[in-house]
């Protein structure tokens, strides 16, 4: 197999001649010297070529080559503090693989969001989107490593389901041969079943909410990592949330410094993300809101604006516990010390980013769970399998769902969730 060289490893080849394969991301000229910015999916690097370094025909071809044409360049790698990334390549040979047929539509001029979203398939080639999606990949890997290294079993859960996990008003319905099926809102209920078999499990996959929301925090299709743990109470679940998020942030800080620099992210804010995280009750959160001049009545669910106000009270993620029964799903365990509230917890990211994790302790007793389901109008017959998880060896257990895109949006310090997934699905956006 031939030697392959990648920009992401360029520091390993200082002083060596390499051949890079990629795309022309930028170009400037001083007349006799061309400065080419080349990207290959692992990074960006400046390549320099002067007249006389290559054949005149190649130099002229490179001088006129349209943006995003594909090419191979051969040259010597040299450390240079003035160059973007700290290295540059002095070209001694080049080959155009495929010249772009049209003028590249995304230029340095200001483009509106609708235009960029219409050209998302090209926008993801830009350095900013490269940085965000690289950070996304690292964050997901860090989350999986957290669970894999602690003995969790990854078990995938169905995307097509016969019933709702949470509210029926946000389901996408589809035909499943002779009956109806729904796109999954969460793998949690199935995770509870597998946790009773394997003890500690998690799933990673897409979820769908037919929620007609246009806020900067909402996607119609999003990805979650969802653990579920047998013999665990609310405190255990909070400890896991805290460790997981701290490890994800630490991994991104360790491995994605250049990408965070591209985004001009405030590193100090991320370096403060260390355990322990503040933990407050829902009732204390209501008091905080009212003290901040943000009127809120006990018993309601926090909206995006409420979470923004709360999250700005802390310099790291904060955990809000014991939400009222009325605002949490039927499966949440009641607080034995206050039957108005549940053993639930949401984690709010700082800097105004709001909820990134939601979960808690699940109801253990089958009789109580069935009564709660009837109270909430849940069709009991469709959930007999779920009630079986309590009828045969019920144990205290709990878990949570961490929204990948919400975490990435916060870690990157970007204003809108739409950039945290390669091809976002939003209320008015299903293309490309």
Protein backbone atom coordinates (compact mmCIF):
# COMPACT_ATOMS: atom_id res chain seq x y z
CA UNK A 1 0.00 0.00 0.00
CA UNK A 2 1.35 3.41 -0.95
CA UNK A 3 2.32 5.90 1.74
CA UNK A 4 -0.53 8.32 2.47
CA UNK A 5 0.14 11.70 4.05
CA UNK A 6 -2.49 13.74 5.88
CA UNK A 7 -2.47 17.38 6.90
CA UNK A 8 -3.63 16.44 10.38
CA UNK A 9 -0.30 14.59 10.89
CA UNK A 10 1.88 17.15 9.11
CA UNK A 11 4.04 17.79 12.15
CA UNK A 12 5.34 14.22 11.90
CA UNK A 13 6.89 15.00 8.50
CA UNK A 14 8.88 18.15 9.24
CA UNK A 15 11.77 18.32 6.76
CA UNK A 16 10.38 15.51 4.59
CA UNK A 17 8.91 15.53 1.11
CA UNK A 18 5.24 14.55 1.06
CA UNK A 19 2.38 14.32 -1.39
CA UNK A 20 -0.93 15.70 -0.17
CA UNK A 21 -4.29 15.03 -1.79
CA UNK A 22 -7.09 17.49 -1.19
CA UNK A 23 -9.03 20.52 -2.36
CA UNK A 24 -8.09 24.12 -3.04
CA UNK A 25 -9.70 26.12 -0.23
CA UNK A 26 -8.05 29.48 -0.91
CA UNK A 27 -5.40 31.26 -2.94
CA UNK A 28 -3.49 34.53 -2.96
CA UNK A 29 -0.63 35.69 -5.10
CA UNK A 30 2.26 38.13 -4.90
CA UNK A 31 2.88 37.83 -8.63
CA UNK A 32 5.78 35.45 -8.68
CA UNK A 33 4.65 33.38 -5.68
CA UNK A 34 1.38 31.56 -5.08
CA UNK A 35 0.07 30.80 -1.60
CA UNK A 36 -2.43 27.96 -1.81
CA UNK A 37 -4.59 26.87 1.10
CA UNK A 38 -5.22 23.16 0.77
CA UNK A 39 -7.57 21.05 2.85
CA UNK A 40 -7.89 17.27 2.93
CA UNK A 41 -10.56 16.62 5.57
CA UNK A 42 -8.03 16.33 8.40
CA UNK A 43 -6.92 19.96 8.36
CA UNK A 44 -5.84 22.98 6.36
CA UNK A 45 -2.29 23.91 5.32
CA UNK A 46 -0.57 26.64 3.35
CA UNK A 47 1.36 25.49 0.30
CA UNK A 48 3.80 27.84 -1.42
CA UNK A 49 5.01 27.70 -5.01
CA UNK A 50 7.07 30.16 -7.00
CA UNK A 51 7.73 30.52 -10.68
CA UNK A 52 10.60 28.24 -11.47
CA UNK A 53 9.70 25.75 -8.73
CA UNK A 54 7.40 23.93 -11.14
CA UNK A 55 6.81 23.96 -14.90
CA UNK A 56 5.34 27.22 -16.20
CA UNK A 57 2.27 25.32 -17.41
CA UNK A 58 1.58 23.95 -13.93
CA UNK A 59 2.16 27.35 -12.32
CA UNK A 60 -0.32 29.01 -14.68
CA UNK A 61 -2.84 26.22 -14.10
CA UNK A 62 -2.58 26.66 -10.34
CA UNK A 63 -2.87 30.44 -10.73
CA UNK A 64 -6.24 30.08 -12.45
CA UNK A 65 -7.55 26.98 -10.70
CA UNK A 66 -11.12 27.52 -9.42
CA UNK A 67 -11.80 27.21 -5.69
CA UNK A 68 -12.64 23.69 -4.45
CA UNK A 69 -10.89 21.99 -7.35
CA UNK A 70 -9.22 18.76 -6.28
CA UNK A 71 -5.46 18.37 -6.61
CA UNK A 72 -2.30 16.63 -5.50
CA UNK A 73 0.71 18.64 -4.39
CA UNK A 74 4.19 17.39 -3.64
CA UNK A 75 6.68 19.38 -1.60
CA UNK A 76 8.85 19.68 1.47
CA UNK A 77 7.29 20.29 4.88
CA UNK A 78 8.81 23.04 7.00
CA UNK A 79 7.86 24.50 10.36
CA UNK A 80 6.92 28.16 10.04
CA UNK A 81 5.36 30.10 12.90
CA UNK A 82 3.98 32.66 10.44
CA UNK A 83 1.97 30.04 8.53
CA UNK A 84 -1.54 29.03 9.60
CA UNK A 85 -1.15 25.81 11.58
CA UNK A 86 2.59 26.32 12.11
CA UNK A 87 3.75 24.45 8.99
CA UNK A 88 3.82 25.02 5.27
CA UNK A 89 4.70 22.97 2.21
CA UNK A 90 7.06 24.24 -0.51
CA UNK A 91 5.63 22.78 -3.69
CA UNK A 92 7.90 21.08 -6.24
CA UNK A 93 5.15 19.31 -8.17
CA UNK A 94 1.38 19.44 -8.56
CA UNK A 95 -1.40 17.66 -10.42
CA UNK A 96 -4.97 18.82 -10.87
CA UNK A 97 -7.29 15.86 -10.28
CA UNK A 98 -10.52 17.66 -11.18
CA UNK A 99 -11.00 21.35 -11.86
CA UNK A 100 -14.25 22.77 -10.48
CA UNK A 101 -16.72 23.20 -13.33
CA UNK A 102 -18.38 26.31 -11.91
CA UNK A 103 -17.47 29.29 -9.80
CA UNK A 104 -17.72 28.23 -6.15
CA UNK A 105 -20.92 29.81 -4.76
CA UNK A 106 -19.65 30.39 -1.22
CA UNK A 107 -17.16 33.25 -1.23
CA UNK A 108 -15.59 35.51 1.37
CA UNK A 109 -18.46 37.95 1.11
CA UNK A 110 -21.24 37.89 3.67
CA UNK A 111 -23.92 35.29 2.93
CA UNK A 112 -27.31 35.05 4.60
CA UNK A 113 -28.29 32.02 6.66
CA UNK A 114 -30.92 30.78 4.14
CA UNK A 115 -28.31 30.83 1.36
CA UNK A 116 -25.78 28.95 3.48
CA UNK A 117 -28.38 26.40 4.57
CA UNK A 118 -29.44 25.86 0.96
CA UNK A 119 -25.77 25.17 0.22
CA UNK A 120 -25.10 23.17 3.39
CA UNK A 121 -23.53 20.38 1.30
CA UNK A 122 -20.82 22.90 0.36
CA UNK A 123 -20.83 25.03 3.51
CA UNK A 124 -19.54 22.09 5.55
CA UNK A 125 -16.24 22.45 3.63
CA UNK A 126 -15.48 25.77 5.32
CA UNK A 127 -12.97 26.04 8.16
CA UNK A 128 -15.63 27.03 10.71
CA UNK A 129 -17.90 24.11 9.90
CA UNK A 130 -14.87 21.81 9.76
CA UNK A 131 -13.99 22.88 13.31
CA UNK A 132 -17.51 22.42 14.67
CA UNK A 133 -18.03 18.99 13.15
CA UNK A 134 -14.57 17.80 14.17
CA UNK A 135 -15.40 18.82 17.74
CA UNK A 136 -18.71 16.95 17.42
CA UNK A 137 -16.88 13.77 16.43
CA UNK A 138 -14.48 14.10 19.35
CA UNK A 139 -17.29 14.77 21.82
CA UNK A 140 -19.19 11.67 20.69
CA UNK A 141 -16.07 9.52 20.92
CA UNK A 142 -15.35 10.86 24.41
CA UNK A 143 -18.89 9.98 25.52
CA UNK A 144 -18.65 6.47 24.11
CA UNK A 145 -15.21 6.00 25.68
CA UNK A 146 -16.62 7.07 29.04
CA UNK A 147 -19.23 4.32 28.98
CA UNK A 148 -17.13 1.66 27.25
CA UNK A 149 -14.29 2.05 29.75
CA UNK A 150 -16.71 1.56 32.66
CA UNK A 151 -18.28 -1.68 31.53
CA UNK A 152 -21.46 -0.40 29.91
CA UNK A 153 -22.90 -2.45 27.07
CA UNK A 154 -23.95 -0.54 23.95
CA UNK A 155 -27.29 -1.90 22.77
CA UNK A 156 -29.09 -0.18 19.92
CA UNK A 157 -32.78 0.59 20.33
CA UNK A 158 -35.51 0.73 17.65
CA UNK A 159 -36.10 3.81 15.53
CA UNK A 160 -39.51 2.53 14.47
CA UNK A 161 -41.74 2.05 17.50
CA UNK A 162 -45.43 1.17 18.03
CA UNK A 163 -45.93 3.68 20.85
CA UNK A 164 -44.69 6.99 22.22
CA UNK A 165 -41.91 7.31 24.76
CA UNK A 166 -43.07 10.74 25.86
CA UNK A 167 -45.84 13.01 24.59
CA UNK A 168 -47.97 11.74 21.71
CA UNK A 169 -48.31 15.26 20.29
CA UNK A 170 -44.74 15.31 19.00
CA UNK A 171 -44.70 11.97 17.17
CA UNK A 172 -43.96 11.40 13.50
CA UNK A 173 -46.30 8.72 12.19
CA UNK A 174 -45.44 6.43 9.30
CA UNK A 175 -46.91 3.33 7.66
CA UNK A 176 -45.59 -0.02 8.85
CA UNK A 177 -47.22 -2.45 6.45
CA UNK A 178 -50.78 -2.87 7.80
CA UNK A 179 -50.38 -0.71 10.90
CA UNK A 180 -48.98 2.61 12.06
CA UNK A 181 -45.52 3.12 13.48
CA UNK A 182 -43.75 6.15 14.91
CA UNK A 183 -40.23 7.53 14.70
CA UNK A 184 -38.61 7.14 18.08
CA UNK A 185 -38.45 10.07 20.50
CA UNK A 186 -35.97 8.20 22.71
CA UNK A 187 -34.46 4.77 23.30
CA UNK A 188 -35.07 5.02 27.03
CA UNK A 189 -37.93 2.56 27.52
CA UNK A 190 -36.03 -0.13 25.64
CA UNK A 191 -32.88 0.78 27.55
CA UNK A 192 -34.74 0.09 30.79
CA UNK A 193 -35.47 -3.43 29.56
CA UNK A 194 -31.88 -4.09 28.50
CA UNK A 195 -30.55 -2.66 31.78
CA UNK A 196 -32.50 -5.37 33.61
CA UNK A 197 -30.55 -7.91 31.54
CA UNK A 198 -27.10 -6.29 31.39
CA UNK A 199 -26.99 -3.94 34.40
CA UNK A 200 -25.37 -0.94 32.67
CA UNK A 201 -26.29 -0.08 29.09
CA UNK A 202 -26.34 2.82 26.67
CA UNK A 203 -27.53 3.59 23.18
CA UNK A 204 -26.48 6.24 20.69
CA UNK A 205 -28.82 7.13 17.89
CA UNK A 206 -31.22 9.58 16.30
CA UNK A 207 -34.44 10.79 17.88
CA UNK A 208 -37.33 12.69 16.34
CA UNK A 209 -39.69 15.29 17.78
CA UNK A 210 -42.50 16.77 15.69
CA UNK A 211 -42.32 19.92 17.77
CA UNK A 212 -43.22 23.12 15.94
CA UNK A 213 -40.45 25.17 17.48
CA UNK A 214 -38.11 27.64 15.81
CA UNK A 215 -35.80 28.36 18.75
CA UNK A 216 -32.02 28.26 18.44
CA UNK A 217 -32.00 25.09 20.60
CA UNK A 218 -34.38 22.87 18.67
CA UNK A 219 -33.95 20.32 15.91
CA UNK A 220 -36.58 17.97 14.54
CA UNK A 221 -34.03 15.17 14.15
CA UNK A 222 -31.23 15.01 16.71
CA UNK A 223 -28.82 12.54 18.28
CA UNK A 224 -28.76 11.36 21.87
CA UNK A 225 -26.55 9.18 23.99
CA UNK A 226 -28.70 7.50 26.61
CA UNK A 227 -27.43 5.33 29.48
CA UNK A 228 -29.61 3.34 31.84
CA UNK A 229 -28.30 1.78 35.06
CA UNK A 230 -29.82 -0.88 37.32
CA UNK A 231 -29.53 -0.47 41.11
CA UNK A 232 -29.05 3.29 40.79
CA UNK A 233 -30.75 6.20 42.50
CA UNK A 234 -30.96 9.90 41.61
CA UNK A 235 -27.60 10.72 43.21
CA UNK A 236 -25.91 7.98 41.18
CA UNK A 237 -27.42 9.34 37.97
CA UNK A 238 -26.25 12.87 38.76
CA UNK A 239 -22.73 11.62 39.46
CA UNK A 240 -22.65 9.88 36.06
CA UNK A 241 -23.94 12.99 34.26
CA UNK A 242 -21.33 15.13 35.95
CA UNK A 243 -18.42 12.79 35.17
CA UNK A 244 -19.53 12.30 31.57
CA UNK A 245 -19.89 15.97 30.67
CA UNK A 246 -16.64 16.92 32.42
CA UNK A 247 -14.81 14.18 30.50
CA UNK A 248 -16.30 15.22 27.16
CA UNK A 249 -15.20 18.82 27.66
CA UNK A 250 -11.73 17.80 28.88
CA UNK A 251 -11.22 15.58 25.82
CA UNK A 252 -12.21 18.37 23.43
CA UNK A 253 -9.86 20.78 25.21
CA UNK A 254 -7.03 18.25 24.98
CA UNK A 255 -7.52 17.22 21.35
CA UNK A 256 -9.23 20.09 19.55
CA UNK A 257 -7.29 23.20 20.46
CA UNK A 258 -6.80 24.33 16.83
CA UNK A 259 -10.51 23.92 16.11
CA UNK A 260 -11.50 25.86 19.24
CA UNK A 261 -9.08 28.59 18.09
CA UNK A 262 -10.78 28.74 14.67
CA UNK A 263 -14.07 29.31 16.51
CA UNK A 264 -12.42 31.86 18.84
CA UNK A 265 -13.92 29.96 21.77
CA UNK A 266 -13.31 31.27 25.28
CA UNK A 267 -11.10 28.45 26.60
CA UNK A 268 -11.23 29.75 30.17
CA UNK A 269 -14.99 29.11 30.26
CA UNK A 270 -14.47 25.49 29.23
CA UNK A 271 -11.59 24.94 31.63
CA UNK A 272 -13.95 25.76 34.51
CA UNK A 273 -16.06 22.72 33.62
CA UNK A 274 -14.84 20.50 36.44
CA UNK A 275 -16.70 18.56 39.10
CA UNK A 276 -18.45 19.20 41.35
CA UNK A 277 -21.24 20.94 39.47
CA UNK A 278 -23.76 23.08 41.38
CA UNK A 279 -26.90 21.16 42.35
CA UNK A 280 -30.12 22.96 43.16
CA UNK A 281 -33.74 21.91 43.44
CA UNK A 282 -36.48 23.08 41.12
CA UNK A 283 -37.92 25.14 44.01
CA UNK A 284 -34.55 26.84 44.53
CA UNK A 285 -34.37 27.51 40.80
CA UNK A 286 -37.77 29.21 40.91
CA UNK A 287 -36.49 31.42 43.73
CA UNK A 288 -33.40 32.29 41.69
CA UNK A 289 -35.53 33.29 38.73
CA UNK A 290 -37.74 35.56 40.78
CA UNK A 291 -34.76 37.14 42.56
CA UNK A 292 -33.28 37.87 39.14
CA UNK A 293 -36.45 39.77 38.24
CA UNK A 294 -37.70 37.01 35.96
CA UNK A 295 -41.21 36.26 37.17
CA UNK A 296 -41.98 32.53 37.35
CA UNK A 297 -44.69 30.60 39.15
CA UNK A 298 -43.94 27.28 40.89
CA UNK A 299 -45.37 24.30 39.03
CA UNK A 300 -44.63 25.28 35.44
CA UNK A 301 -41.95 23.86 33.18
CA UNK A 302 -38.93 25.98 32.38
CA UNK A 303 -38.87 27.41 28.88
CA UNK A 304 -35.83 28.43 26.87
CA UNK A 305 -35.78 31.96 28.33
CA UNK A 306 -36.07 30.63 31.90
CA UNK A 307 -33.17 28.22 31.34
CA UNK A 308 -31.09 31.01 29.83
CA UNK A 309 -31.54 33.14 32.96
CA UNK A 310 -30.77 30.22 35.28
CA UNK A 311 -27.71 29.04 33.38
CA UNK A 312 -26.14 32.48 33.55
CA UNK A 313 -26.12 32.22 37.34
CA UNK A 314 -23.32 29.62 37.20
CA UNK A 315 -19.84 29.36 35.69
CA UNK A 316 -20.19 25.65 34.90
CA UNK A 317 -23.09 23.27 34.21
CA UNK A 318 -25.73 23.27 36.94
CA UNK A 319 -28.06 20.41 37.84
CA UNK A 320 -31.68 21.18 38.68
CA UNK A 321 -33.49 18.39 40.52
CA UNK A 322 -36.97 17.40 41.64
CA UNK A 323 -39.27 18.88 39.03
CA UNK A 324 -43.05 18.82 39.62
CA UNK A 325 -44.87 15.65 38.56
CA UNK A 326 -47.02 17.62 36.11
CA UNK A 327 -44.06 18.57 33.89
CA UNK A 328 -42.30 15.20 33.81
CA UNK A 329 -43.20 11.94 32.00
CA UNK A 330 -45.16 9.12 33.64
CA UNK A 331 -42.10 6.96 34.32
CA UNK A 332 -40.36 9.34 36.75
CA UNK A 333 -40.16 8.12 40.35
CA UNK A 334 -41.95 10.21 42.95
CA UNK A 335 -39.92 11.87 45.67
CA UNK A 336 -40.76 9.95 48.88
CA UNK A 337 -40.31 13.16 50.88
CA UNK A 338 -42.56 15.33 48.70
CA UNK A 339 -45.19 13.71 46.48
CA UNK A 340 -45.54 16.92 44.45
CA UNK A 341 -42.19 16.34 42.77
CA UNK A 342 -40.20 13.63 41.02
CA UNK A 343 -36.67 12.28 41.35
CA UNK A 344 -35.68 14.00 38.14
CA UNK A 345 -32.71 16.08 37.06
CA UNK A 346 -31.88 18.38 34.15
CA UNK A 347 -28.38 19.71 33.50
CA UNK A 348 -28.19 23.29 32.26
CA UNK A 349 -25.09 24.43 30.38
CA UNK A 350 -23.66 27.82 31.43
CA UNK A 351 -23.38 31.00 29.35
CA UNK A 352 -27.09 30.93 28.60
CA UNK A 353 -27.12 27.62 26.71
CA UNK A 354 -29.73 25.88 28.86
CA UNK A 355 -30.65 22.20 29.07
CA UNK A 356 -28.22 19.67 27.63
CA UNK A 357 -29.12 16.58 29.69
CA UNK A 358 -32.41 15.31 31.10
CA UNK A 359 -33.13 12.24 33.19
CA UNK A 360 -33.60 10.85 36.66
CA UNK A 361 -34.71 7.83 38.64
CA UNK A 362 -37.42 5.65 37.10
CA UNK A 363 -40.57 4.48 38.86
CA UNK A 364 -39.92 1.01 40.28
CA UNK A 365 -43.27 -0.33 41.52
CA UNK A 366 -45.46 -1.86 38.77
CA UNK A 367 -48.75 -0.97 40.49
CA UNK A 368 -47.74 2.65 41.00
CA UNK A 369 -46.42 2.89 37.46
CA UNK A 370 -49.65 1.53 35.99
CA UNK A 371 -51.71 3.97 38.08
CA UNK A 372 -49.56 6.87 36.85
CA UNK A 373 -49.94 5.72 33.27
CA UNK A 374 -53.72 5.63 33.60
CA UNK A 375 -53.64 9.07 35.21
CA UNK A 376 -51.67 10.42 32.22
CA UNK A 377 -53.85 8.66 29.65
CA UNK A 378 -51.14 6.25 28.50
CA UNK A 379 -52.59 3.18 26.67
CA UNK A 380 -51.81 0.38 29.13
CA UNK A 381 -52.18 -2.47 26.64
CA UNK A 382 -49.40 -1.07 24.47
CA UNK A 383 -47.04 -0.96 27.45
CA UNK A 384 -47.51 -4.40 28.99
CA UNK A 385 -43.98 -5.31 27.96
CA UNK A 386 -42.70 -2.22 29.76
CA UNK A 387 -44.66 -3.09 32.91
CA UNK A 388 -43.07 -6.55 32.77
CA UNK A 389 -39.70 -4.93 33.55
CA UNK A 390 -41.17 -4.14 36.98
CA UNK A 391 -43.09 -7.39 37.45
CA UNK A 392 -40.02 -9.58 37.13
CA UNK A 393 -37.32 -8.47 39.53
CA UNK A 394 -37.85 -4.72 39.80
CA UNK A 395 -34.89 -2.71 41.09
CA UNK A 396 -34.18 0.99 41.60
CA UNK A 397 -32.81 2.27 38.32
CA UNK A 398 -32.33 5.43 36.33
CA UNK A 399 -30.71 7.10 33.38
CA UNK A 400 -30.71 10.14 31.15
CA UNK A 401 -30.47 11.45 27.62
CA UNK A 402 -27.63 13.76 26.57
CA UNK A 403 -28.35 15.78 23.45
CA UNK A 404 -25.25 15.64 21.26
CA UNK A 405 -26.06 18.78 19.27
CA UNK A 406 -26.87 20.85 22.35
CA UNK A 407 -23.59 19.86 23.99
CA UNK A 408 -21.62 20.59 20.82
CA UNK A 409 -23.34 23.97 20.41
CA UNK A 410 -22.33 24.93 23.94
CA UNK A 411 -18.77 23.58 23.76
CA UNK A 412 -18.20 25.41 20.47
CA UNK A 413 -19.77 28.61 21.81
CA UNK A 414 -21.90 29.05 18.68
CA UNK A 415 -25.25 30.84 18.70
CA UNK A 416 -27.48 28.29 16.94
CA UNK A 417 -27.83 24.52 17.04
CA UNK A 418 -28.17 24.22 13.25
CA UNK A 419 -24.38 24.23 12.78
CA UNK A 420 -23.76 21.36 15.19
CA UNK A 421 -25.00 18.58 12.87
CA UNK A 422 -23.97 18.01 9.25
CA UNK A 423 -27.47 18.32 7.76
CA UNK A 424 -29.96 19.84 10.21
CA UNK A 425 -33.66 19.09 10.11
CA UNK A 426 -35.71 21.99 11.42
CA UNK A 427 -39.31 23.14 11.26
CA UNK A 428 -38.87 24.72 7.83
CA UNK A 429 -35.76 22.90 6.69
CA UNK A 430 -35.58 19.36 5.25
CA UNK A 431 -33.14 19.99 2.38
CA UNK A 432 -30.47 19.34 1.34
